[in-house]
PDB file of N, CA and C in Angstrom:
ATOM      1  N   MET A   1     -54.003  -7.149-235.205  1.00  0.00           N
ATOM      2  CA  MET A   1     -53.875  -7.212-233.752  1.00  0.00           C
ATOM      3  C   MET A   1     -55.145  -7.821-233.171  1.00  0.00           C
ATOM      4  N   ASP A   2     -54.955  -8.647-232.151  1.00  0.00           N
ATOM      5  CA  ASP A   2     -56.064  -9.276-231.436  1.00  0.00           C
ATOM      6  C   ASP A   2     -56.906  -8.178-230.781  1.00  0.00           C
ATOM      7  N   PRO A   3     -58.221  -8.120-231.078  1.00  0.00           N
ATOM      8  CA  PRO A   3     -59.052  -7.057-230.492  1.00  0.00           C
ATOM      9  C   PRO A   3     -59.087  -7.099-228.962  1.00  0.00           C
ATOM     10  N   VAL A   4     -58.899  -8.266-228.380  1.00  0.00           N
ATOM     11  CA  VAL A   4     -58.888  -8.367-226.924  1.00  0.00           C
ATOM     12  C   VAL A   4     -57.634  -7.717-226.352  1.00  0.00           C
ATOM     13  N   GLU A   5     -56.533  -7.768-227.092  1.00  0.00           N
ATOM     14  CA  GLU A   5     -55.268  -7.207-226.632  1.00  0.00           C
ATOM     15  C   GLU A   5     -55.115  -5.730-227.005  1.00  0.00           C
ATOM     16  N   ALA A   6     -55.958  -5.219-227.860  1.00  0.00           N
ATOM     17  CA  ALA A   6     -55.817  -3.852-228.363  1.00  0.00           C
ATOM     18  C   ALA A   6     -56.136  -2.824-227.275  1.00  0.00           C
ATOM     19  N   GLU A   7     -55.425  -1.731-227.313  1.00  0.00           N
ATOM     20  CA  GLU A   7     -55.711  -0.605-226.434  1.00  0.00           C
ATOM     21  C   GLU A   7     -56.950   0.115-226.951  1.00  0.00           C
ATOM     22  N   LEU A   8     -57.752   0.639-226.051  1.00  0.00           N
ATOM     23  CA  LEU A   8     -58.893   1.446-226.462  1.00  0.00           C
ATOM     24  C   LEU A   8     -58.415   2.853-226.814  1.00  0.00           C
ATOM     25  N   SER A   9     -59.148   3.494-227.677  1.00  0.00           N
ATOM     26  CA  SER A   9     -58.830   4.878-228.038  1.00  0.00           C
ATOM     27  C   SER A   9     -59.143   5.797-226.864  1.00  0.00           C
ATOM     28  N   HIS A  10     -58.496   6.965-226.887  1.00  0.00           N
ATOM     29  CA  HIS A  10     -58.739   7.969-225.855  1.00  0.00           C
ATOM     30  C   HIS A  10     -60.234   8.256-225.774  1.00  0.00           C
ATOM     31  N   GLY A  11     -60.772   8.283-224.576  1.00  0.00           N
ATOM     32  CA  GLY A  11     -62.187   8.585-224.380  1.00  0.00           C
ATOM     33  C   GLY A  11     -63.082   7.345-224.344  1.00  0.00           C
ATOM     34  N   GLU A  12     -62.557   6.196-224.786  1.00  0.00           N
ATOM     35  CA  GLU A  12     -63.351   4.977-224.711  1.00  0.00           C
ATOM     36  C   GLU A  12     -63.209   4.374-223.314  1.00  0.00           C
ATOM     37  N   THR A  13     -64.165   3.545-222.946  1.00  0.00           N
ATOM     38  CA  THR A  13     -64.206   2.993-221.600  1.00  0.00           C
ATOM     39  C   THR A  13     -64.034   1.486-221.621  1.00  0.00           C
ATOM     40  N   TYR A  14     -63.178   0.993-220.727  1.00  0.00           N
ATOM     41  CA  TYR A  14     -63.047  -0.450-220.527  1.00  0.00           C
ATOM     42  C   TYR A  14     -64.226  -0.910-219.674  1.00  0.00           C
ATOM     43  N   ARG A  15     -64.872  -1.994-220.061  1.00  0.00           N
ATOM     44  CA  ARG A  15     -65.978  -2.550-219.282  1.00  0.00           C
ATOM     45  C   ARG A  15     -65.522  -3.880-218.683  1.00  0.00           C
ATOM     46  N   LEU A  16     -65.612  -3.978-217.365  1.00  0.00           N
ATOM     47  CA  LEU A  16     -65.129  -5.157-216.667  1.00  0.00           C
ATOM     48  C   LEU A  16     -66.238  -5.831-215.872  1.00  0.00           C
ATOM     49  N   SER A  17     -66.173  -7.133-215.829  1.00  0.00           N
ATOM     50  CA  SER A  17     -66.953  -7.944-214.904  1.00  0.00           C
ATOM     51  C   SER A  17     -65.929  -8.831-214.214  1.00  0.00           C
ATOM     52  N   VAL A  18     -65.762  -8.659-212.913  1.00  0.00           N
ATOM     53  CA  VAL A  18     -64.684  -9.327-212.190  1.00  0.00           C
ATOM     54  C   VAL A  18     -65.244 -10.444-211.316  1.00  0.00           C
ATOM     55  N   LYS A  19     -64.604 -11.603-211.408  1.00  0.00           N
ATOM     56  CA  LYS A  19     -64.931 -12.733-210.540  1.00  0.00           C
ATOM     57  C   LYS A  19     -63.676 -13.091-209.754  1.00  0.00           C
ATOM     58  N   VAL A  20     -63.791 -13.063-208.449  1.00  0.00           N
ATOM     59  CA  VAL A  20     -62.712 -13.498-207.575  1.00  0.00           C
ATOM     60  C   VAL A  20     -63.040 -14.950-207.237  1.00  0.00           C
ATOM     61  N   VAL A  21     -62.237 -15.864-207.752  1.00  0.00           N
ATOM     62  CA  VAL A  21     -62.511 -17.293-207.607  1.00  0.00           C
ATOM     63  C   VAL A  21     -61.616 -17.853-206.501  1.00  0.00           C
ATOM     64  N   ILE A  22     -62.263 -18.477-205.523  1.00  0.00           N
ATOM     65  CA  ILE A  22     -61.520 -19.029-204.400  1.00  0.00           C
ATOM     66  C   ILE A  22     -61.796 -20.529-204.280  1.00  0.00           C
ATOM     67  N   PRO A  23     -60.876 -21.264-203.658  1.00  0.00           N
ATOM     68  CA  PRO A  23     -61.093 -22.699-203.466  1.00  0.00           C
ATOM     69  C   PRO A  23     -62.381 -22.956-202.669  1.00  0.00           C
ATOM     70  N   VAL A  24     -62.998 -24.094-202.915  1.00  0.00           N
ATOM     71  CA  VAL A  24     -64.240 -24.453-202.226  1.00  0.00           C
ATOM     72  C   VAL A  24     -64.034 -24.434-200.708  1.00  0.00           C
ATOM     73  N   GLU A  25     -62.885 -24.933-200.239  1.00  0.00           N
ATOM     74  CA  GLU A  25     -62.615 -24.954-198.796  1.00  0.00           C
ATOM     75  C   GLU A  25     -62.640 -23.543-198.214  1.00  0.00           C
ATOM     76  N   ALA A  26     -62.111 -22.586-198.948  1.00  0.00           N
ATOM     77  CA  ALA A  26     -62.122 -21.191-198.498  1.00  0.00           C
ATOM     78  C   ALA A  26     -63.540 -20.643-198.516  1.00  0.00           C
ATOM     79  N   TRP A  27     -64.311 -21.018-199.535  1.00  0.00           N
ATOM     80  CA  TRP A  27     -65.707 -20.573-199.638  1.00  0.00           C
ATOM     81  C   TRP A  27     -66.519 -21.066-198.440  1.00  0.00           C
ATOM     82  N   LEU A  28     -66.261 -22.292-197.997  1.00  0.00           N
ATOM     83  CA  LEU A  28     -67.018 -22.886-196.899  1.00  0.00           C
ATOM     84  C   LEU A  28     -66.594 -22.365-195.529  1.00  0.00           C
ATOM     85  N   ASN A  29     -65.447 -21.699-195.468  1.00  0.00           N
ATOM     86  CA  ASN A  29     -64.965 -21.111-194.225  1.00  0.00           C
ATOM     87  C   ASN A  29     -65.473 -19.665-194.163  1.00  0.00           C
ATOM     88  N   ASP A  30     -66.439 -19.418-193.273  1.00  0.00           N
ATOM     89  CA  ASP A  30     -67.078 -18.099-193.217  1.00  0.00           C
ATOM     90  C   ASP A  30     -66.084 -16.956-193.030  1.00  0.00           C
ATOM     91  N   ALA A  31     -65.103 -17.137-192.160  1.00  0.00           N
ATOM     92  CA  ALA A  31     -64.133 -16.063-191.892  1.00  0.00           C
ATOM     93  C   ALA A  31     -63.328 -15.734-193.138  1.00  0.00           C
ATOM     94  N   ILE A  32     -62.873 -16.757-193.831  1.00  0.00           N
ATOM     95  CA  ILE A  32     -62.079 -16.525-195.045  1.00  0.00           C
ATOM     96  C   ILE A  32     -62.952 -15.906-196.129  1.00  0.00           C
ATOM     97  N   ARG A  33     -64.135 -16.484-196.366  1.00  0.00           N
ATOM     98  CA  ARG A  33     -65.011 -15.956-197.415  1.00  0.00           C
ATOM     99  C   ARG A  33     -65.366 -14.491-197.148  1.00  0.00           C
ATOM    100  N   GLN A  34     -65.693 -14.166-195.893  1.00  0.00           N
ATOM    101  CA  GLN A  34     -66.045 -12.784-195.573  1.00  0.00           C
ATOM    102  C   GLN A  34     -64.858 -11.844-195.766  1.00  0.00           C
ATOM    103  N   SER A  35     -63.664 -12.287-195.426  1.00  0.00           N
ATOM    104  CA  SER A  35     -62.469 -11.478-195.641  1.00  0.00           C
ATOM    105  C   SER A  35     -62.257 -11.215-197.135  1.00  0.00           C
ATOM    106  N   VAL A  36     -62.437 -12.241-197.939  1.00  0.00           N
ATOM    107  CA  VAL A  36     -62.293 -12.084-199.391  1.00  0.00           C
ATOM    108  C   VAL A  36     -63.374 -11.155-199.923  1.00  0.00           C
ATOM    109  N   GLU A  37     -64.584 -11.274-199.408  1.00  0.00           N
ATOM    110  CA  GLU A  37     -65.670 -10.396-199.855  1.00  0.00           C
ATOM    111  C   GLU A  37     -65.387  -8.936-199.510  1.00  0.00           C
ATOM    112  N   VAL A  38     -64.818  -8.682-198.337  1.00  0.00           N
ATOM    113  CA  VAL A  38     -64.442  -7.310-197.962  1.00  0.00           C
ATOM    114  C   VAL A  38     -63.380  -6.791-198.927  1.00  0.00           C
ATOM    115  N   TRP A  39     -62.386  -7.632-199.224  1.00  0.00           N
ATOM    116  CA  TRP A  39     -61.351  -7.229-200.172  1.00  0.00           C
ATOM    117  C   TRP A  39     -61.956  -6.952-201.549  1.00  0.00           C
ATOM    118  N   ALA A  40     -62.897  -7.798-201.979  1.00  0.00           N
ATOM    119  CA  ALA A  40     -63.535  -7.628-203.287  1.00  0.00           C
ATOM    120  C   ALA A  40     -64.339  -6.323-203.337  1.00  0.00           C
ATOM    121  N   GLU A  41     -64.997  -5.977-202.246  1.00  0.00           N
ATOM    122  CA  GLU A  41     -65.728  -4.702-202.186  1.00  0.00           C
ATOM    123  C   GLU A  41     -64.771  -3.525-202.317  1.00  0.00           C
ATOM    124  N   SER A  42     -63.606  -3.644-201.695  1.00  0.00           N
ATOM    125  CA  SER A  42     -62.592  -2.601-201.804  1.00  0.00           C
ATOM    126  C   SER A  42     -62.098  -2.480-203.246  1.00  0.00           C
ATOM    127  N   LEU A  43     -61.867  -3.628-203.872  1.00  0.00           N
ATOM    128  CA  LEU A  43     -61.451  -3.628-205.278  1.00  0.00           C
ATOM    129  C   LEU A  43     -62.517  -2.978-206.154  1.00  0.00           C
ATOM    130  N   GLU A  44     -63.769  -3.333-205.923  1.00  0.00           N
ATOM    131  CA  GLU A  44     -64.856  -2.753-206.714  1.00  0.00           C
ATOM    132  C   GLU A  44     -64.931  -1.239-206.525  1.00  0.00           C
ATOM    133  N   GLY A  45     -64.750  -0.776-205.292  1.00  0.00           N
ATOM    134  CA  GLY A  45     -64.757   0.664-205.035  1.00  0.00           C
ATOM    135  C   GLY A  45     -63.632   1.370-205.772  1.00  0.00           C
ATOM    136  N   GLY A  46     -62.464   0.751-205.792  1.00  0.00           N
ATOM    137  CA  GLY A  46     -61.332   1.330-206.519  1.00  0.00           C
ATOM    138  C   GLY A  46     -61.572   1.373-208.012  1.00  0.00           C
ATOM    139  N   LEU A  47     -62.167   0.316-208.538  1.00  0.00           N
ATOM    140  CA  LEU A  47     -62.454   0.292-209.982  1.00  0.00           C
ATOM    141  C   LEU A  47     -63.505   1.326-210.358  1.00  0.00           C
ATOM    142  N   LYS A  48     -64.524   1.455-209.513  1.00  0.00           N
ATOM    143  CA  LYS A  48     -65.589   2.425-209.807  1.00  0.00           C
ATOM    144  C   LYS A  48     -65.082   3.859-209.745  1.00  0.00           C
ATOM    145  N   GLY A  49     -64.027   4.069-208.987  1.00  0.00           N
ATOM    146  CA  GLY A  49     -63.460   5.404-208.881  1.00  0.00           C
ATOM    147  C   GLY A  49     -62.379   5.696-209.913  1.00  0.00           C
ATOM    148  N   THR A  50     -62.189   4.785-210.865  1.00  0.00           N
ATOM    149  CA  THR A  50     -61.130   4.934-211.854  1.00  0.00           C
ATOM    150  C   THR A  50     -61.709   5.398-213.184  1.00  0.00           C
ATOM    151  N   ALA A  51     -61.224   6.531-213.672  1.00  0.00           N
ATOM    152  CA  ALA A  51     -61.690   7.053-214.955  1.00  0.00           C
ATOM    153  C   ALA A  51     -61.376   6.056-216.068  1.00  0.00           C
ATOM    154  N   GLY A  52     -62.325   5.857-216.963  1.00  0.00           N
ATOM    155  CA  GLY A  52     -62.106   4.986-218.107  1.00  0.00           C
ATOM    156  C   GLY A  52     -62.442   3.526-217.848  1.00  0.00           C
ATOM    157  N   ILE A  53     -62.951   3.233-216.638  1.00  0.00           N
ATOM    158  CA  ILE A  53     -63.330   1.856-216.313  1.00  0.00           C
ATOM    159  C   ILE A  53     -64.758   1.846-215.797  1.00  0.00           C
ATOM    160  N   GLU A  54     -65.575   0.985-216.369  1.00  0.00           N
ATOM    161  CA  GLU A  54     -66.911   0.709-215.853  1.00  0.00           C
ATOM    162  C   GLU A  54     -66.930  -0.748-215.446  1.00  0.00           C
ATOM    163  N   THR A  55     -67.578  -1.036-214.336  1.00  0.00           N
ATOM    164  CA  THR A  55     -67.618  -2.416-213.877  1.00  0.00           C
ATOM    165  C   THR A  55     -69.044  -2.894-213.673  1.00  0.00           C
ATOM    166  N   ASP A  56     -69.260  -4.160-213.985  1.00  0.00           N
ATOM    167  CA  ASP A  56     -70.548  -4.804-213.720  1.00  0.00           C
ATOM    168  C   ASP A  56     -70.550  -5.374-212.307  1.00  0.00           C
ATOM    169  N   GLY A  57     -69.491  -5.159-211.589  1.00  0.00           N
ATOM    170  CA  GLY A  57     -69.387  -5.651-210.229  1.00  0.00           C
ATOM    171  C   GLY A  57     -68.216  -6.590-210.050  1.00  0.00           C
ATOM    172  N   VAL A  58     -67.912  -6.861-208.792  1.00  0.00           N
ATOM    173  CA  VAL A  58     -66.869  -7.804-208.421  1.00  0.00           C
ATOM    174  C   VAL A  58     -67.550  -8.876-207.576  1.00  0.00           C
ATOM    175  N   ASP A  59     -67.586 -10.087-208.077  1.00  0.00           N
ATOM    176  CA  ASP A  59     -68.255 -11.189-207.399  1.00  0.00           C
ATOM    177  C   ASP A  59     -67.232 -12.184-206.873  1.00  0.00           C
ATOM    178  N   VAL A  60     -67.472 -12.680-205.677  1.00  0.00           N
ATOM    179  CA  VAL A  60     -66.647 -13.741-205.102  1.00  0.00           C
ATOM    180  C   VAL A  60     -67.406 -15.049-205.292  1.00  0.00           C
ATOM    181  N   VAL A  61     -66.744 -16.041-205.899  1.00  0.00           N
ATOM    182  CA  VAL A  61     -67.379 -17.331-206.160  1.00  0.00           C
ATOM    183  C   VAL A  61     -66.406 -18.456-205.837  1.00  0.00           C
ATOM    184  N   ALA A  62     -66.961 -19.626-205.526  1.00  0.00           N
ATOM    185  CA  ALA A  62     -66.141 -20.818-205.316  1.00  0.00           C
ATOM    186  C   ALA A  62     -65.748 -21.391-206.662  1.00  0.00           C
ATOM    187  N   GLU A  63     -64.591 -22.060-206.719  1.00  0.00           N
ATOM    188  CA  GLU A  63     -64.120 -22.597-207.994  1.00  0.00           C
ATOM    189  C   GLU A  63     -65.101 -23.570-208.618  1.00  0.00           C
ATOM    190  N   ASP A  64     -65.888 -24.271-207.814  1.00  0.00           N
ATOM    191  CA  ASP A  64     -66.833 -25.216-208.401  1.00  0.00           C
ATOM    192  C   ASP A  64     -68.066 -24.524-208.994  1.00  0.00           C
ATOM    193  N   ALA A  65     -68.148 -23.201-208.858  1.00  0.00           N
ATOM    194  CA  ALA A  65     -69.259 -22.444-209.437  1.00  0.00           C
ATOM    195  C   ALA A  65     -68.913 -21.876-210.815  1.00  0.00           C
ATOM    196  N   ILE A  66     -67.694 -22.104-211.280  1.00  0.00           N
ATOM    197  CA  ILE A  66     -67.249 -21.613-212.590  1.00  0.00           C
ATOM    198  C   ILE A  66     -67.330 -22.764-213.587  1.00  0.00           C
ATOM    199  N   SER A  67     -67.995 -22.519-214.701  1.00  0.00           N
ATOM    200  CA  SER A  67     -68.135 -23.556-215.727  1.00  0.00           C
ATOM    201  C   SER A  67     -67.148 -23.328-216.868  1.00  0.00           C
ATOM    202  N   LEU A  68     -67.024 -24.318-217.723  1.00  0.00           N
ATOM    203  CA  LEU A  68     -66.202 -24.147-218.919  1.00  0.00           C
ATOM    204  C   LEU A  68     -66.751 -23.028-219.795  1.00  0.00           C
ATOM    205  N   ALA A  69     -68.061 -22.908-219.856  1.00  0.00           N
ATOM    206  CA  ALA A  69     -68.668 -21.814-220.627  1.00  0.00           C
ATOM    207  C   ALA A  69     -68.240 -20.461-220.064  1.00  0.00           C
ATOM    208  N   ASP A  70     -68.186 -20.341-218.731  1.00  0.00           N
ATOM    209  CA  ASP A  70     -67.712 -19.096-218.107  1.00  0.00           C
ATOM    210  C   ASP A  70     -66.276 -18.797-218.515  1.00  0.00           C
ATOM    211  N   LEU A  71     -65.450 -19.846-218.520  1.00  0.00           N
ATOM    212  CA  LEU A  71     -64.032 -19.659-218.821  1.00  0.00           C
ATOM    213  C   LEU A  71     -63.792 -19.138-220.234  1.00  0.00           C
ATOM    214  N   ARG A  72     -64.689 -19.432-221.140  1.00  0.00           N
ATOM    215  CA  ARG A  72     -64.535 -18.928-222.515  1.00  0.00           C
ATOM    216  C   ARG A  72     -64.619 -17.409-222.574  1.00  0.00           C
ATOM    217  N   HIS A  73     -65.268 -16.817-221.584  1.00  0.00           N
ATOM    218  CA  HIS A  73     -65.476 -15.364-221.587  1.00  0.00           C
ATOM    219  C   HIS A  73     -64.587 -14.629-220.590  1.00  0.00           C
ATOM    220  N   LEU A  74     -63.769 -15.374-219.865  1.00  0.00           N
ATOM    221  CA  LEU A  74     -62.937 -14.757-218.834  1.00  0.00           C
ATOM    222  C   LEU A  74     -61.493 -14.623-219.283  1.00  0.00           C
ATOM    223  N   ARG A  75     -60.844 -13.601-218.798  1.00  0.00           N
ATOM    224  CA  ARG A  75     -59.396 -13.444-218.956  1.00  0.00           C
ATOM    225  C   ARG A  75     -58.818 -13.545-217.567  1.00  0.00           C
ATOM    226  N   ARG A  76     -57.921 -14.456-217.389  1.00  0.00           N
ATOM    227  CA  ARG A  76     -57.361 -14.714-216.071  1.00  0.00           C
ATOM    228  C   ARG A  76     -56.347 -13.640-215.693  1.00  0.00           C
ATOM    229  N   PHE A  77     -56.473 -13.149-214.491  1.00  0.00           N
ATOM    230  CA  PHE A  77     -55.535 -12.175-213.937  1.00  0.00           C
ATOM    231  C   PHE A  77     -55.113 -12.718-212.580  1.00  0.00           C
ATOM    232  N   GLU A  78     -53.881 -13.176-212.500  1.00  0.00           N
ATOM    233  CA  GLU A  78     -53.389 -13.839-211.299  1.00  0.00           C
ATOM    234  C   GLU A  78     -53.185 -12.854-210.150  1.00  0.00           C
ATOM    235  N   LEU A  79     -53.685 -13.219-209.009  1.00  0.00           N
ATOM    236  CA  LEU A  79     -53.425 -12.470-207.784  1.00  0.00           C
ATOM    237  C   LEU A  79     -52.859 -13.429-206.742  1.00  0.00           C
ATOM    238  N   GLU A  80     -51.967 -14.271-207.190  1.00  0.00           N
ATOM    239  CA  GLU A  80     -51.417 -15.295-206.318  1.00  0.00           C
ATOM    240  C   GLU A  80     -50.644 -14.715-205.142  1.00  0.00           C
ATOM    241  N   TYR A  81     -50.317 -13.440-205.194  1.00  0.00           N
ATOM    242  CA  TYR A  81     -49.608 -12.851-204.077  1.00  0.00           C
ATOM    243  C   TYR A  81     -50.543 -12.624-202.893  1.00  0.00           C
ATOM    244  N   ARG A  82     -51.836 -12.838-203.076  1.00  0.00           N
ATOM    245  CA  ARG A  82     -52.801 -12.732-201.981  1.00  0.00           C
ATOM    246  C   ARG A  82     -52.940 -14.096-201.332  1.00  0.00           C
ATOM    247  N   SER A  83     -53.139 -14.127-200.055  1.00  0.00           N
ATOM    248  CA  SER A  83     -53.267 -15.376-199.330  1.00  0.00           C
ATOM    249  C   SER A  83     -54.228 -15.155-198.177  1.00  0.00           C
ATOM    250  N   TYR A  84     -54.771 -16.222-197.647  1.00  0.00           N
ATOM    251  CA  TYR A  84     -55.585 -16.084-196.446  1.00  0.00           C
ATOM    252  C   TYR A  84     -54.877 -16.784-195.305  1.00  0.00           C
ATOM    253  N   SER A  85     -54.979 -16.202-194.152  1.00  0.00           N
ATOM    254  CA  SER A  85     -54.348 -16.792-192.976  1.00  0.00           C
ATOM    255  C   SER A  85     -55.382 -17.624-192.227  1.00  0.00           C
ATOM    256  N   SER A  86     -54.953 -18.321-191.208  1.00  0.00           N
ATOM    257  CA  SER A  86     -55.861 -19.168-190.446  1.00  0.00           C
ATOM    258  C   SER A  86     -56.968 -18.364-189.771  1.00  0.00           C
ATOM    259  N   ASP A  87     -56.738 -17.073-189.527  1.00  0.00           N
ATOM    260  CA  ASP A  87     -57.792 -16.261-188.921  1.00  0.00           C
ATOM    261  C   ASP A  87     -58.744 -15.668-189.955  1.00  0.00           C
ATOM    262  N   GLY A  88     -58.530 -15.997-191.238  1.00  0.00           N
ATOM    263  CA  GLY A  88     -59.434 -15.572-192.296  1.00  0.00           C
ATOM    264  C   GLY A  88     -59.064 -14.261-192.956  1.00  0.00           C
ATOM    265  N   ALA A  89     -58.073 -13.548-192.439  1.00  0.00           N
ATOM    266  CA  ALA A  89     -57.697 -12.267-193.035  1.00  0.00           C
ATOM    267  C   ALA A  89     -56.878 -12.494-194.291  1.00  0.00           C
ATOM    268  N   MET A  90     -57.130 -11.667-195.322  1.00  0.00           N
ATOM    269  CA  MET A  90     -56.321 -11.754-196.537  1.00  0.00           C
ATOM    270  C   MET A  90     -55.084 -10.888-196.360  1.00  0.00           C
ATOM    271  N   ARG A  91     -53.933 -11.466-196.698  1.00  0.00           N
ATOM    272  CA  ARG A  91     -52.657 -10.761-196.587  1.00  0.00           C
ATOM    273  C   ARG A  91     -51.782 -11.134-197.771  1.00  0.00           C
ATOM    274  N   PRO A  92     -50.780 -10.329-198.046  1.00  0.00           N
ATOM    275  CA  PRO A  92     -49.805 -10.784-199.043  1.00  0.00           C
ATOM    276  C   PRO A  92     -49.230 -12.127-198.607  1.00  0.00           C
ATOM    277  N   ALA A  93     -49.010 -13.045-199.553  1.00  0.00           N
ATOM    278  CA  ALA A  93     -48.586 -14.385-199.238  1.00  0.00           C
ATOM    279  C   ALA A  93     -47.298 -14.441-198.442  1.00  0.00           C
ATOM    280  N   ASP A  94     -46.387 -13.492-198.650  1.00  0.00           N
ATOM    281  CA  ASP A  94     -45.110 -13.546-197.951  1.00  0.00           C
ATOM    282  C   ASP A  94     -45.177 -12.942-196.537  1.00  0.00           C
ATOM    283  N   ALA A  95     -46.333 -12.498-196.113  1.00  0.00           N
ATOM    284  CA  ALA A  95     -46.474 -11.900-194.785  1.00  0.00           C
ATOM    285  C   ALA A  95     -46.668 -12.938-193.700  1.00  0.00           C
ATOM    286  N   GLU A  96     -46.836 -14.194-194.076  1.00  0.00           N
ATOM    287  CA  GLU A  96     -47.131 -15.225-193.072  1.00  0.00           C
ATOM    288  C   GLU A  96     -45.911 -15.935-192.591  1.00  0.00           C
TER     289      GLU A  96
END
């Protein structure tokens, strides 16, 4: 079994480092970036409060700040159901 896909034994802790990657245009829009950062802080708080998970933090970065070397160490987790509206608030994509 692939060690990355394997379940941890009872009592072991998952260690996460989360990067929320957004388009450069969203990064340059202060309202959108700040909304995403607030959401990321909420995600980090939820992860820190979850037994069996330790996190190195949740960082928001622009897509042009991610290198191929970074991608070798990342596992992609799609959150495409999240969207930003023109006012910068993050909402489920179907809410618009």
